[in-house]
Amino acid sequence: MTRTIRILTTPAINAESKSLLGDKAKAVLSEINIEQLKNNLKQLNQDIGELFSVTEQANDFKLKQVEVGIEVSAEGGVNLIGTMTAGAKAAITLTFERS
């Protein structure tokens, strides 16, 4: 038996449909495979851990906390939340404390 979890998702809006719907799109209830979501979150956790292992100690400061925004897709994928512009970006908050 496949276990799932329900999440509300909003479909991607292209420029053509945005003009018809304005900025609002109806949320859709989606069922996501828990095992797939768990595996994707585990991989993201490993990747983030690898990225921030280089910042664990910076001079007299030690990395205390990392705050990352993620979104879950209707397919169970996990992505950093960011802005799609010419220079795409995502916000990550790092908290350091004096060693």
PDB file of N, CA and C in Angstrom:
ATOM      1  N   MET A   1       0.842  -1.188   0.000  1.00  0.00           N
ATOM      2  CA  MET A   1       0.000   0.000   0.000  1.00  0.00           C
ATOM      3  C   MET A   1       0.887   1.252   0.000  1.00  0.00           C
ATOM      4  N   THR A   2       0.645   2.141  -0.929  1.00  0.00           N
ATOM      5  CA  THR A   2       1.396   3.388  -1.031  1.00  0.00           C
ATOM      6  C   THR A   2       0.772   4.421  -0.105  1.00  0.00           C
ATOM      7  N   ARG A   3       1.600   4.981   0.783  1.00  0.00           N
ATOM      8  CA  ARG A   3       1.130   6.029   1.686  1.00  0.00           C
ATOM      9  C   ARG A   3       1.329   7.382   1.024  1.00  0.00           C
ATOM     10  N   THR A   4       0.358   8.252   1.201  1.00  0.00           N
ATOM     11  CA  THR A   4       0.444   9.596   0.621  1.00  0.00           C
ATOM     12  C   THR A   4       0.114  10.631   1.682  1.00  0.00           C
ATOM     13  N   ILE A   5       0.478  11.862   1.364  1.00  0.00           N
ATOM     14  CA  ILE A   5       0.134  13.006   2.200  1.00  0.00           C
ATOM     15  C   ILE A   5      -0.496  14.050   1.278  1.00  0.00           C
ATOM     16  N   ARG A   6      -1.475  14.759   1.777  1.00  0.00           N
ATOM     17  CA  ARG A   6      -2.172  15.766   0.966  1.00  0.00           C
ATOM     18  C   ARG A   6      -1.541  17.137   1.164  1.00  0.00           C
ATOM     19  N   ILE A   7      -1.367  17.863   0.060  1.00  0.00           N
ATOM     20  CA  ILE A   7      -0.908  19.247   0.133  1.00  0.00           C
ATOM     21  C   ILE A   7      -1.712  20.082  -0.861  1.00  0.00           C
ATOM     22  N   LEU A   8      -1.823  21.359  -0.579  1.00  0.00           N
ATOM     23  CA  LEU A   8      -2.458  22.282  -1.519  1.00  0.00           C
ATOM     24  C   LEU A   8      -1.390  22.829  -2.438  1.00  0.00           C
ATOM     25  N   THR A   9      -1.610  22.746  -3.734  1.00  0.00           N
ATOM     26  CA  THR A   9      -0.668  23.288  -4.710  1.00  0.00           C
ATOM     27  C   THR A   9      -1.408  24.257  -5.615  1.00  0.00           C
ATOM     28  N   THR A  10      -0.650  25.180  -6.181  1.00  0.00           N
ATOM     29  CA  THR A  10      -1.216  26.067  -7.193  1.00  0.00           C
ATOM     30  C   THR A  10      -0.490  25.788  -8.498  1.00  0.00           C
ATOM     31  N   PRO A  11      -1.226  25.660  -9.572  1.00  0.00           N
ATOM     32  CA  PRO A  11      -0.588  25.366 -10.852  1.00  0.00           C
ATOM     33  C   PRO A  11       0.273  26.527 -11.320  1.00  0.00           C
ATOM     34  N   ALA A  12       1.316  26.193 -12.090  1.00  0.00           N
ATOM     35  CA  ALA A  12       2.166  27.235 -12.670  1.00  0.00           C
ATOM     36  C   ALA A  12       1.319  28.077 -13.608  1.00  0.00           C
ATOM     37  N   ILE A  13       1.542  29.378 -13.574  1.00  0.00           N
ATOM     38  CA  ILE A  13       0.776  30.295 -14.418  1.00  0.00           C
ATOM     39  C   ILE A  13       1.703  30.902 -15.450  1.00  0.00           C
ATOM     40  N   ASN A  14       1.379  30.720 -16.725  1.00  0.00           N
ATOM     41  CA  ASN A  14       2.171  31.371 -17.757  1.00  0.00           C
ATOM     42  C   ASN A  14       1.570  32.745 -18.048  1.00  0.00           C
ATOM     43  N   ALA A  15       2.257  33.528 -18.831  1.00  0.00           N
ATOM     44  CA  ALA A  15       1.829  34.908 -19.102  1.00  0.00           C
ATOM     45  C   ALA A  15       0.434  34.956 -19.715  1.00  0.00           C
ATOM     46  N   GLU A  16       0.106  34.005 -20.585  1.00  0.00           N
ATOM     47  CA  GLU A  16      -1.191  34.003 -21.256  1.00  0.00           C
ATOM     48  C   GLU A  16      -2.332  33.746 -20.273  1.00  0.00           C
ATOM     49  N   SER A  17      -2.188  32.716 -19.419  1.00  0.00           N
ATOM     50  CA  SER A  17      -3.261  32.409 -18.472  1.00  0.00           C
ATOM     51  C   SER A  17      -3.317  33.442 -17.348  1.00  0.00           C
ATOM     52  N   LYS A  18      -2.191  34.080 -17.029  1.00  0.00           N
ATOM     53  CA  LYS A  18      -2.174  35.094 -15.973  1.00  0.00           C
ATOM     54  C   LYS A  18      -3.064  36.265 -16.354  1.00  0.00           C
ATOM     55  N   SER A  19      -3.070  36.632 -17.636  1.00  0.00           N
ATOM     56  CA  SER A  19      -3.907  37.753 -18.038  1.00  0.00           C
ATOM     57  C   SER A  19      -5.386  37.405 -17.902  1.00  0.00           C
ATOM     58  N   LEU A  20      -5.741  36.126 -18.055  1.00  0.00           N
ATOM     59  CA  LEU A  20      -7.135  35.719 -17.914  1.00  0.00           C
ATOM     60  C   LEU A  20      -7.543  35.571 -16.452  1.00  0.00           C
ATOM     61  N   LEU A  21      -6.623  35.092 -15.610  1.00  0.00           N
ATOM     62  CA  LEU A  21      -6.936  34.812 -14.215  1.00  0.00           C
ATOM     63  C   LEU A  21      -6.516  35.920 -13.260  1.00  0.00           C
ATOM     64  N   GLY A  22      -5.800  36.907 -13.754  1.00  0.00           N
ATOM     65  CA  GLY A  22      -5.199  37.884 -12.867  1.00  0.00           C
ATOM     66  C   GLY A  22      -4.051  37.196 -12.141  1.00  0.00           C
ATOM     67  N   ASP A  23      -3.803  37.566 -10.907  1.00  0.00           N
ATOM     68  CA  ASP A  23      -2.735  36.932 -10.126  1.00  0.00           C
ATOM     69  C   ASP A  23      -3.226  35.728  -9.339  1.00  0.00           C
ATOM     70  N   LYS A  24      -4.511  35.384  -9.469  1.00  0.00           N
ATOM     71  CA  LYS A  24      -5.067  34.322  -8.646  1.00  0.00           C
ATOM     72  C   LYS A  24      -5.264  33.046  -9.458  1.00  0.00           C
ATOM     73  N   ALA A  25      -4.807  31.952  -8.908  1.00  0.00           N
ATOM     74  CA  ALA A  25      -5.050  30.635  -9.475  1.00  0.00           C
ATOM     75  C   ALA A  25      -5.625  29.786  -8.363  1.00  0.00           C
ATOM     76  N   LYS A  26      -6.518  28.904  -8.698  1.00  0.00           N
ATOM     77  CA  LYS A  26      -7.143  28.074  -7.677  1.00  0.00           C
ATOM     78  C   LYS A  26      -6.182  27.013  -7.179  1.00  0.00           C
ATOM     79  N   ALA A  27      -6.160  26.836  -5.876  1.00  0.00           N
ATOM     80  CA  ALA A  27      -5.339  25.793  -5.272  1.00  0.00           C
ATOM     81  C   ALA A  27      -5.995  24.441  -5.529  1.00  0.00           C
ATOM     82  N   VAL A  28      -5.159  23.435  -5.716  1.00  0.00           N
ATOM     83  CA  VAL A  28      -5.620  22.086  -5.995  1.00  0.00           C
ATOM     84  C   VAL A  28      -5.073  21.170  -4.908  1.00  0.00           C
ATOM     85  N   LEU A  29      -5.902  20.278  -4.397  1.00  0.00           N
ATOM     86  CA  LEU A  29      -5.451  19.308  -3.413  1.00  0.00           C
ATOM     87  C   LEU A  29      -4.731  18.179  -4.145  1.00  0.00           C
ATOM     88  N   SER A  30      -3.465  17.964  -3.800  1.00  0.00           N
ATOM     89  CA  SER A  30      -2.652  16.935  -4.443  1.00  0.00           C
ATOM     90  C   SER A  30      -2.234  15.892  -3.412  1.00  0.00           C
ATOM     91  N   GLU A  31      -2.102  14.648  -3.850  1.00  0.00           N
ATOM     92  CA  GLU A  31      -1.618  13.563  -2.994  1.00  0.00           C
ATOM     93  C   GLU A  31      -0.177  13.266  -3.405  1.00  0.00           C
ATOM     94  N   ILE A  32       0.733  13.293  -2.434  1.00  0.00           N
ATOM     95  CA  ILE A  32       2.148  13.070  -2.712  1.00  0.00           C
ATOM     96  C   ILE A  32       2.585  11.781  -2.023  1.00  0.00           C
ATOM     97  N   ASN A  33       3.344  10.982  -2.734  1.00  0.00           N
ATOM     98  CA  ASN A  33       3.900   9.749  -2.195  1.00  0.00           C
ATOM     99  C   ASN A  33       4.864  10.103  -1.067  1.00  0.00           C
ATOM    100  N   ILE A  34       4.589   9.602   0.136  1.00  0.00           N
ATOM    101  CA  ILE A  34       5.406   9.939   1.307  1.00  0.00           C
ATOM    102  C   ILE A  34       6.842   9.462   1.142  1.00  0.00           C
ATOM    103  N   GLU A  35       7.044   8.279   0.604  1.00  0.00           N
ATOM    104  CA  GLU A  35       8.402   7.742   0.445  1.00  0.00           C
ATOM    105  C   GLU A  35       9.223   8.616  -0.506  1.00  0.00           C
ATOM    106  N   GLN A  36       8.603   9.054  -1.599  1.00  0.00           N
ATOM    107  CA  GLN A  36       9.294   9.917  -2.559  1.00  0.00           C
ATOM    108  C   GLN A  36       9.651  11.255  -1.924  1.00  0.00           C
ATOM    109  N   LEU A  37       8.712  11.846  -1.193  1.00  0.00           N
ATOM    110  CA  LEU A  37       8.965  13.121  -0.520  1.00  0.00           C
ATOM    111  C   LEU A  37      10.068  12.963   0.515  1.00  0.00           C
ATOM    112  N   LYS A  38      10.025  11.876   1.276  1.00  0.00           N
ATOM    113  CA  LYS A  38      11.044  11.610   2.289  1.00  0.00           C
ATOM    114  C   LYS A  38      12.424  11.499   1.651  1.00  0.00           C
ATOM    115  N   ASN A  39      12.534  10.784   0.536  1.00  0.00           N
ATOM    116  CA  ASN A  39      13.817  10.637  -0.154  1.00  0.00           C
ATOM    117  C   ASN A  39      14.320  11.970  -0.691  1.00  0.00           C
ATOM    118  N   ASN A  40      13.424  12.789  -1.235  1.00  0.00           N
ATOM    119  CA  ASN A  40      13.826  14.093  -1.752  1.00  0.00           C
ATOM    120  C   ASN A  40      14.264  15.031  -0.637  1.00  0.00           C
ATOM    121  N   LEU A  41      13.573  15.011   0.499  1.00  0.00           N
ATOM    122  CA  LEU A  41      13.978  15.838   1.644  1.00  0.00           C
ATOM    123  C   LEU A  41      15.328  15.379   2.199  1.00  0.00           C
ATOM    124  N   LYS A  42      15.540  14.068   2.234  1.00  0.00           N
ATOM    125  CA  LYS A  42      16.816  13.527   2.713  1.00  0.00           C
ATOM    126  C   LYS A  42      17.958  13.993   1.818  1.00  0.00           C
ATOM    127  N   GLN A  43      17.756  13.942   0.488  1.00  0.00           N
ATOM    128  CA  GLN A  43      18.790  14.371  -0.446  1.00  0.00           C
ATOM    129  C   GLN A  43      19.065  15.864  -0.309  1.00  0.00           C
ATOM    130  N   LEU A  44      18.006  16.671  -0.166  1.00  0.00           N
ATOM    131  CA  LEU A  44      18.185  18.108   0.008  1.00  0.00           C
ATOM    132  C   LEU A  44      18.956  18.392   1.294  1.00  0.00           C
ATOM    133  N   ASN A  45      18.647  17.675   2.357  1.00  0.00           N
ATOM    134  CA  ASN A  45      19.349  17.839   3.627  1.00  0.00           C
ATOM    135  C   ASN A  45      20.835  17.525   3.473  1.00  0.00           C
ATOM    136  N   GLN A  46      21.157  16.451   2.768  1.00  0.00           N
ATOM    137  CA  GLN A  46      22.561  16.100   2.537  1.00  0.00           C
ATOM    138  C   GLN A  46      23.268  17.170   1.709  1.00  0.00           C
ATOM    139  N   ASP A  47      22.602  17.653   0.672  1.00  0.00           N
ATOM    140  CA  ASP A  47      23.192  18.681  -0.190  1.00  0.00           C
ATOM    141  C   ASP A  47      23.440  19.976   0.584  1.00  0.00           C
ATOM    142  N   ILE A  48      22.474  20.395   1.392  1.00  0.00           N
ATOM    143  CA  ILE A  48      22.636  21.621   2.177  1.00  0.00           C
ATOM    144  C   ILE A  48      23.748  21.440   3.207  1.00  0.00           C
ATOM    145  N   GLY A  49      23.808  20.261   3.830  1.00  0.00           N
ATOM    146  CA  GLY A  49      24.876  19.978   4.785  1.00  0.00           C
ATOM    147  C   GLY A  49      26.245  20.090   4.148  1.00  0.00           C
ATOM    148  N   GLU A  50      26.372  19.589   2.925  1.00  0.00           N
ATOM    149  CA  GLU A  50      27.645  19.677   2.199  1.00  0.00           C
ATOM    150  C   GLU A  50      27.980  21.125   1.865  1.00  0.00           C
ATOM    151  N   LEU A  51      26.990  21.886   1.439  1.00  0.00           N
ATOM    152  CA  LEU A  51      27.214  23.295   1.097  1.00  0.00           C
ATOM    153  C   LEU A  51      27.703  24.103   2.283  1.00  0.00           C
ATOM    154  N   PHE A  52      27.104  23.882   3.451  1.00  0.00           N
ATOM    155  CA  PHE A  52      27.411  24.716   4.603  1.00  0.00           C
ATOM    156  C   PHE A  52      28.507  24.151   5.490  1.00  0.00           C
ATOM    157  N   SER A  53      29.052  23.001   5.150  1.00  0.00           N
ATOM    158  CA  SER A  53      30.167  22.469   5.933  1.00  0.00           C
ATOM    159  C   SER A  53      31.382  23.394   5.830  1.00  0.00           C
ATOM    160  N   VAL A  54      31.485  24.158   4.746  1.00  0.00           N
ATOM    161  CA  VAL A  54      32.608  25.083   4.576  1.00  0.00           C
ATOM    162  C   VAL A  54      32.458  26.343   5.423  1.00  0.00           C
ATOM    163  N   THR A  55      31.262  26.620   5.924  1.00  0.00           N
ATOM    164  CA  THR A  55      31.051  27.836   6.718  1.00  0.00           C
ATOM    165  C   THR A  55      30.900  27.533   8.202  1.00  0.00           C
ATOM    166  N   GLU A  56      31.186  26.308   8.618  1.00  0.00           N
ATOM    167  CA  GLU A  56      30.989  25.949  10.022  1.00  0.00           C
ATOM    168  C   GLU A  56      31.806  26.813  10.972  1.00  0.00           C
ATOM    169  N   GLN A  57      33.008  27.199  10.550  1.00  0.00           N
ATOM    170  CA  GLN A  57      33.838  28.062  11.386  1.00  0.00           C
ATOM    171  C   GLN A  57      34.360  29.201  10.518  1.00  0.00           C
ATOM    172  N   ALA A  58      34.051  30.425  10.889  1.00  0.00           N
ATOM    173  CA  ALA A  58      34.525  31.603  10.165  1.00  0.00           C
ATOM    174  C   ALA A  58      35.184  32.539  11.172  1.00  0.00           C
ATOM    175  N   ASN A  59      36.506  32.533  11.194  1.00  0.00           N
ATOM    176  CA  ASN A  59      37.270  33.333  12.162  1.00  0.00           C
ATOM    177  C   ASN A  59      36.853  32.987  13.586  1.00  0.00           C
ATOM    178  N   ASP A  60      36.351  33.957  14.342  1.00  0.00           N
ATOM    179  CA  ASP A  60      35.948  33.703  15.724  1.00  0.00           C
ATOM    180  C   ASP A  60      34.476  33.303  15.837  1.00  0.00           C
ATOM    181  N   PHE A  61      33.826  33.056  14.713  1.00  0.00           N
ATOM    182  CA  PHE A  61      32.401  32.757  14.727  1.00  0.00           C
ATOM    183  C   PHE A  61      32.142  31.328  14.266  1.00  0.00           C
ATOM    184  N   LYS A  62      31.112  30.724  14.853  1.00  0.00           N
ATOM    185  CA  LYS A  62      30.723  29.364  14.519  1.00  0.00           C
ATOM    186  C   LYS A  62      29.289  29.394  13.987  1.00  0.00           C
ATOM    187  N   LEU A  63      29.048  28.644  12.910  1.00  0.00           N
ATOM    188  CA  LEU A  63      27.696  28.576  12.353  1.00  0.00           C
ATOM    189  C   LEU A  63      26.780  27.898  13.360  1.00  0.00           C
ATOM    190  N   LYS A  64      25.717  28.604  13.732  1.00  0.00           N
ATOM    191  CA  LYS A  64      24.782  28.082  14.725  1.00  0.00           C
ATOM    192  C   LYS A  64      23.520  27.542  14.072  1.00  0.00           C
ATOM    193  N   GLN A  65      23.045  28.215  13.021  1.00  0.00           N
ATOM    194  CA  GLN A  65      21.752  27.860  12.455  1.00  0.00           C
ATOM    195  C   GLN A  65      21.709  28.243  10.983  1.00  0.00           C
ATOM    196  N   VAL A  66      21.051  27.412  10.184  1.00  0.00           N
ATOM    197  CA  VAL A  66      20.808  27.710   8.778  1.00  0.00           C
ATOM    198  C   VAL A  66      19.301  27.655   8.562  1.00  0.00           C
ATOM    199  N   GLU A  67      18.744  28.690   7.942  1.00  0.00           N
ATOM    200  CA  GLU A  67      17.312  28.728   7.656  1.00  0.00           C
ATOM    201  C   GLU A  67      17.132  28.816   6.146  1.00  0.00           C
ATOM    202  N   VAL A  68      16.466  27.817   5.591  1.00  0.00           N
ATOM    203  CA  VAL A  68      16.278  27.729   4.146  1.00  0.00           C
ATOM    204  C   VAL A  68      14.792  27.544   3.862  1.00  0.00           C
ATOM    205  N   GLY A  69      14.253  28.307   2.928  1.00  0.00           N
ATOM    206  CA  GLY A  69      12.862  28.135   2.520  1.00  0.00           C
ATOM    207  C   GLY A  69      12.787  27.127   1.383  1.00  0.00           C
ATOM    208  N   ILE A  70      11.871  26.174   1.510  1.00  0.00           N
ATOM    209  CA  ILE A  70      11.684  25.195   0.431  1.00  0.00           C
ATOM    210  C   ILE A  70      10.217  25.160   0.035  1.00  0.00           C
ATOM    211  N   GLU A  71       9.990  24.659  -1.162  1.00  0.00           N
ATOM    212  CA  GLU A  71       8.628  24.416  -1.608  1.00  0.00           C
ATOM    213  C   GLU A  71       8.541  22.963  -2.032  1.00  0.00           C
ATOM    214  N   VAL A  72       7.360  22.399  -1.893  1.00  0.00           N
ATOM    215  CA  VAL A  72       7.113  21.016  -2.282  1.00  0.00           C
ATOM    216  C   VAL A  72       6.244  21.042  -3.531  1.00  0.00           C
ATOM    217  N   SER A  73       6.681  20.349  -4.573  1.00  0.00           N
ATOM    218  CA  SER A  73       5.900  20.307  -5.812  1.00  0.00           C
ATOM    219  C   SER A  73       4.824  19.231  -5.724  1.00  0.00           C
ATOM    220  N   ALA A  74       3.873  19.291  -6.617  1.00  0.00           N
ATOM    221  CA  ALA A  74       2.790  18.300  -6.654  1.00  0.00           C
ATOM    222  C   ALA A  74       3.320  16.907  -6.942  1.00  0.00           C
ATOM    223  N   GLU A  75       4.541  16.812  -7.479  1.00  0.00           N
ATOM    224  CA  GLU A  75       5.143  15.513  -7.788  1.00  0.00           C
ATOM    225  C   GLU A  75       5.991  14.998  -6.627  1.00  0.00           C
ATOM    226  N   GLY A  76       6.104  15.773  -5.532  1.00  0.00           N
ATOM    227  CA  GLY A  76       6.888  15.353  -4.385  1.00  0.00           C
ATOM    228  C   GLY A  76       8.315  15.851  -4.416  1.00  0.00           C
ATOM    229  N   GLY A  77       8.637  16.704  -5.373  1.00  0.00           N
ATOM    230  CA  GLY A  77       9.972  17.295  -5.431  1.00  0.00           C
ATOM    231  C   GLY A  77      10.096  18.404  -4.406  1.00  0.00           C
ATOM    232  N   VAL A  78      11.319  18.692  -3.981  1.00  0.00           N
ATOM    233  CA  VAL A  78      11.565  19.799  -3.060  1.00  0.00           C
ATOM    234  C   VAL A  78      12.562  20.744  -3.704  1.00  0.00           C
ATOM    235  N   ASN A  79      12.280  22.033  -3.606  1.00  0.00           N
ATOM    236  CA  ASN A  79      13.104  23.053  -4.244  1.00  0.00           C
ATOM    237  C   ASN A  79      13.309  24.208  -3.287  1.00  0.00           C
ATOM    238  N   LEU A  80      14.480  24.839  -3.393  1.00  0.00           N
ATOM    239  CA  LEU A  80      14.690  26.068  -2.643  1.00  0.00           C
ATOM    240  C   LEU A  80      13.753  27.122  -3.195  1.00  0.00           C
ATOM    241  N   ILE A  81      13.194  27.929  -2.335  1.00  0.00           N
ATOM    242  CA  ILE A  81      12.316  29.000  -2.787  1.00  0.00           C
ATOM    243  C   ILE A  81      13.189  30.155  -3.246  1.00  0.00           C
ATOM    244  N   GLY A  82      12.942  30.627  -4.439  1.00  0.00           N
ATOM    245  CA  GLY A  82      13.731  31.712  -4.984  1.00  0.00           C
ATOM    246  C   GLY A  82      12.917  32.546  -5.940  1.00  0.00           C
ATOM    247  N   THR A  83      13.587  33.472  -6.573  1.00  0.00           N
ATOM    248  CA  THR A  83      12.965  34.366  -7.529  1.00  0.00           C
ATOM    249  C   THR A  83      13.584  34.116  -8.898  1.00  0.00           C
ATOM    250  N   MET A  84      12.757  33.900  -9.893  1.00  0.00           N
ATOM    251  CA  MET A  84      13.264  33.692 -11.245  1.00  0.00           C
ATOM    252  C   MET A  84      13.393  35.044 -11.940  1.00  0.00           C
ATOM    253  N   THR A  85      14.606  35.512 -12.001  1.00  0.00           N
ATOM    254  CA  THR A  85      14.921  36.736 -12.720  1.00  0.00           C
ATOM    255  C   THR A  85      16.181  36.448 -13.521  1.00  0.00           C
ATOM    256  N   ALA A  86      16.713  37.454 -14.176  1.00  0.00           N
ATOM    257  CA  ALA A  86      17.946  37.252 -14.936  1.00  0.00           C
ATOM    258  C   ALA A  86      19.040  36.703 -14.033  1.00  0.00           C
ATOM    259  N   GLY A  87      19.101  37.146 -12.799  1.00  0.00           N
ATOM    260  CA  GLY A  87      20.055  36.618 -11.816  1.00  0.00           C
ATOM    261  C   GLY A  87      19.268  35.886 -10.740  1.00  0.00           C
ATOM    262  N   ALA A  88      18.764  34.684 -11.034  1.00  0.00           N
ATOM    263  CA  ALA A  88      17.918  33.937 -10.101  1.00  0.00           C
ATOM    264  C   ALA A  88      18.546  33.900  -8.711  1.00  0.00           C
ATOM    265  N   LYS A  89      17.708  33.999  -7.667  1.00  0.00           N
ATOM    266  CA  LYS A  89      18.236  34.046  -6.311  1.00  0.00           C
ATOM    267  C   LYS A  89      17.284  33.346  -5.351  1.00  0.00           C
ATOM    268  N   ALA A  90      17.837  32.901  -4.245  1.00  0.00           N
ATOM    269  CA  ALA A  90      17.053  32.317  -3.164  1.00  0.00           C
ATOM    270  C   ALA A  90      17.611  32.856  -1.857  1.00  0.00           C
ATOM    271  N   ALA A  91      16.754  33.074  -0.881  1.00  0.00           N
ATOM    272  CA  ALA A  91      17.196  33.617   0.399  1.00  0.00           C
ATOM    273  C   ALA A  91      17.566  32.478   1.341  1.00  0.00           C
ATOM    274  N   ILE A  92      18.735  32.580   1.934  1.00  0.00           N
ATOM    275  CA  ILE A  92      19.184  31.642   2.957  1.00  0.00           C
ATOM    276  C   ILE A  92      19.687  32.484   4.123  1.00  0.00           C
ATOM    277  N   THR A  93      19.216  32.190   5.313  1.00  0.00           N
ATOM    278  CA  THR A  93      19.630  32.924   6.499  1.00  0.00           C
ATOM    279  C   THR A  93      20.613  32.076   7.293  1.00  0.00           C
ATOM    280  N   LEU A  94      21.790  32.647   7.567  1.00  0.00           N
ATOM    281  CA  LEU A  94      22.815  31.979   8.375  1.00  0.00           C
ATOM    282  C   LEU A  94      22.922  32.724   9.694  1.00  0.00           C
ATOM    283  N   THR A  95      22.960  31.991  10.795  1.00  0.00           N
ATOM    284  CA  THR A  95      23.127  32.587  12.114  1.00  0.00           C
ATOM    285  C   THR A  95      24.447  32.090  12.697  1.00  0.00           C
ATOM    286  N   PHE A  96      25.331  33.024  13.054  1.00  0.00           N
ATOM    287  CA  PHE A  96      26.619  32.681  13.646  1.00  0.00           C
ATOM    288  C   PHE A  96      26.646  33.125  15.095  1.00  0.00           C
ATOM    289  N   GLU A  97      27.449  32.451  15.900  1.00  0.00           N
ATOM    290  CA  GLU A  97      27.684  32.888  17.274  1.00  0.00           C
ATOM    291  C   GLU A  97      29.192  32.887  17.515  1.00  0.00           C
ATOM    292  N   ARG A  98      29.611  33.749  18.401  1.00  0.00           N
ATOM    293  CA  ARG A  98      31.040  33.852  18.722  1.00  0.00           C
ATOM    294  C   ARG A  98      31.474  32.571  19.431  1.00  0.00           C
ATOM    295  N   SER A  99      32.602  31.996  18.991  1.00  0.00           N
ATOM    296  CA  SER A  99      33.104  30.740  19.581  1.00  0.00           C
ATOM    297  C   SER A  99      33.627  30.960  20.976  1.00  0.00           C
TER     298      SER A  99
END
